[in-house]
Amino acid sequence: MKQYALLRLLIACFFLYIAWPSIHGEVVQMASVFWAGWLAFFLLVVGSNLATLFKMTKPPVMEQERGRQHLYEKN
């Protein structure tokens, strides 16, 4: 489902927009480590959702469309 991947990308970009002013203002080393970890996680989220959006990987199990029904199910 492309709309879920797109929605997650938009939410991640919104969080980056909110956090960007705080990233540049930190001078304490512990805060710098936190923001570096946060940016690394942001890149992972964006990369995985772009891969799903461009169909480079399978979407998560919950978002996969049902293909066939089981043989044992009766209608």
C-alpha atoms as a PDB file:
ATOM      1  CA  MET A   1       0.000   0.000   0.000  1.00  0.00           C
ATOM      2  CA  LYS A   2       1.718   3.083  -1.239  1.00  0.00           C
ATOM      3  CA  GLN A   3      -0.334   5.469   0.861  1.00  0.00           C
ATOM      4  CA  TYR A   4       0.977   4.046   4.158  1.00  0.00           C
ATOM      5  CA  ALA A   5       4.605   4.408   3.091  1.00  0.00           C
ATOM      6  CA  LEU A   6       3.913   7.920   1.863  1.00  0.00           C
ATOM      7  CA  LEU A   7       2.150   8.786   5.112  1.00  0.00           C
ATOM      8  CA  ARG A   8       5.106   7.528   7.161  1.00  0.00           C
ATOM      9  CA  LEU A   9       7.479   9.594   5.008  1.00  0.00           C
ATOM     10  CA  LEU A  10       5.382  12.704   5.557  1.00  0.00           C
ATOM     11  CA  ILE A  11       5.264  12.127   9.319  1.00  0.00           C
ATOM     12  CA  ALA A  12       9.035  11.595   9.465  1.00  0.00           C
ATOM     13  CA  CYS A  13       9.625  14.805   7.502  1.00  0.00           C
ATOM     14  CA  PHE A  14       7.265  16.665   9.821  1.00  0.00           C
ATOM     15  CA  PHE A  15       9.214  15.423  12.851  1.00  0.00           C
ATOM     16  CA  LEU A  16      12.447  16.544  11.198  1.00  0.00           C
ATOM     17  CA  TYR A  17      10.886  19.952  10.563  1.00  0.00           C
ATOM     18  CA  ILE A  18       9.962  20.243  14.253  1.00  0.00           C
ATOM     19  CA  ALA A  19      13.363  19.009  15.507  1.00  0.00           C
ATOM     20  CA  TRP A  20      15.640  20.924  13.124  1.00  0.00           C
ATOM     21  CA  PRO A  21      15.953  24.134  15.204  1.00  0.00           C
ATOM     22  CA  SER A  22      16.950  22.120  18.288  1.00  0.00           C
ATOM     23  CA  ILE A  23      19.632  20.159  16.448  1.00  0.00           C
ATOM     24  CA  HIS A  24      21.792  23.189  15.691  1.00  0.00           C
ATOM     25  CA  GLY A  25      21.505  24.746  19.148  1.00  0.00           C
ATOM     26  CA  GLU A  26      23.050  21.929  21.187  1.00  0.00           C
ATOM     27  CA  VAL A  27      26.656  22.173  22.363  1.00  0.00           C
ATOM     28  CA  VAL A  28      26.698  19.459  25.059  1.00  0.00           C
ATOM     29  CA  GLN A  29      28.224  16.199  23.861  1.00  0.00           C
ATOM     30  CA  MET A  30      25.396  14.040  25.240  1.00  0.00           C
ATOM     31  CA  ALA A  31      22.849  16.103  23.291  1.00  0.00           C
ATOM     32  CA  SER A  32      24.946  15.787  20.143  1.00  0.00           C
ATOM     33  CA  VAL A  33      25.015  12.005  20.539  1.00  0.00           C
ATOM     34  CA  PHE A  34      21.235  11.980  20.983  1.00  0.00           C
ATOM     35  CA  TRP A  35      20.649  14.049  17.842  1.00  0.00           C
ATOM     36  CA  ALA A  36      23.104  11.937  15.848  1.00  0.00           C
ATOM     37  CA  GLY A  37      21.171   8.822  16.874  1.00  0.00           C
ATOM     38  CA  TRP A  38      17.894  10.532  16.088  1.00  0.00           C
ATOM     39  CA  LEU A  39      19.090  11.520  12.614  1.00  0.00           C
ATOM     40  CA  ALA A  40      20.384   7.984  11.975  1.00  0.00           C
ATOM     41  CA  PHE A  41      16.975   6.581  12.928  1.00  0.00           C
ATOM     42  CA  PHE A  42      15.311   9.174  10.680  1.00  0.00           C
ATOM     43  CA  LEU A  43      17.459   8.042   7.739  1.00  0.00           C
ATOM     44  CA  LEU A  44      16.553   4.399   8.413  1.00  0.00           C
ATOM     45  CA  VAL A  45      12.846   5.243   8.463  1.00  0.00           C
ATOM     46  CA  VAL A  46      13.056   7.287   5.273  1.00  0.00           C
ATOM     47  CA  GLY A  47      15.177   4.676   3.492  1.00  0.00           C
ATOM     48  CA  SER A  48      12.921   1.765   4.380  1.00  0.00           C
ATOM     49  CA  ASN A  49       9.776   3.624   3.365  1.00  0.00           C
ATOM     50  CA  LEU A  50      11.330   4.733   0.085  1.00  0.00           C
ATOM     51  CA  ALA A  51      12.284   1.118  -0.602  1.00  0.00           C
ATOM     52  CA  THR A  52       8.690   0.079   0.058  1.00  0.00           C
ATOM     53  CA  LEU A  53       7.354   2.941  -2.038  1.00  0.00           C
ATOM     54  CA  PHE A  54       9.580   2.025  -5.005  1.00  0.00           C
ATOM     55  CA  LYS A  55       8.742  -1.686  -4.521  1.00  0.00           C
ATOM     56  CA  MET A  56      12.346  -2.670  -3.832  1.00  0.00           C
ATOM     57  CA  THR A  57      11.172  -4.715  -0.834  1.00  0.00           C
ATOM     58  CA  LYS A  58       7.924  -6.337   0.189  1.00  0.00           C
ATOM     59  CA  PRO A  59       5.615  -4.193   2.292  1.00  0.00           C
ATOM     60  CA  PRO A  60       5.042  -5.197   5.924  1.00  0.00           C
ATOM     61  CA  VAL A  61       2.829  -8.248   6.458  1.00  0.00           C
ATOM     62  CA  MET A  62      -0.102  -6.178   7.688  1.00  0.00           C
ATOM     63  CA  GLU A  63      -0.070  -4.114   4.499  1.00  0.00           C
ATOM     64  CA  GLN A  64       0.221  -6.961   2.006  1.00  0.00           C
ATOM     65  CA  GLU A  65      -2.886  -7.646   0.019  1.00  0.00           C
ATOM     66  CA  ARG A  66      -4.499 -11.034   0.334  1.00  0.00           C
ATOM     67  CA  GLY A  67      -3.713 -13.275  -2.592  1.00  0.00           C
ATOM     68  CA  ARG A  68      -5.414 -16.627  -2.288  1.00  0.00           C
ATOM     69  CA  GLN A  69      -7.690 -18.011   0.352  1.00  0.00           C
ATOM     70  CA  HIS A  70      -6.812 -21.241   2.099  1.00  0.00           C
ATOM     71  CA  LEU A  71      -8.099 -24.445   0.541  1.00  0.00           C
ATOM     72  CA  TYR A  72      -9.762 -25.534   3.752  1.00  0.00           C
ATOM     73  CA  GLU A  73     -11.985 -22.471   4.076  1.00  0.00           C
ATOM     74  CA  LYS A  74     -15.534 -22.891   2.884  1.00  0.00           C
ATOM     75  CA  ASN A  75     -17.602 -19.965   1.657  1.00  0.00           C
END
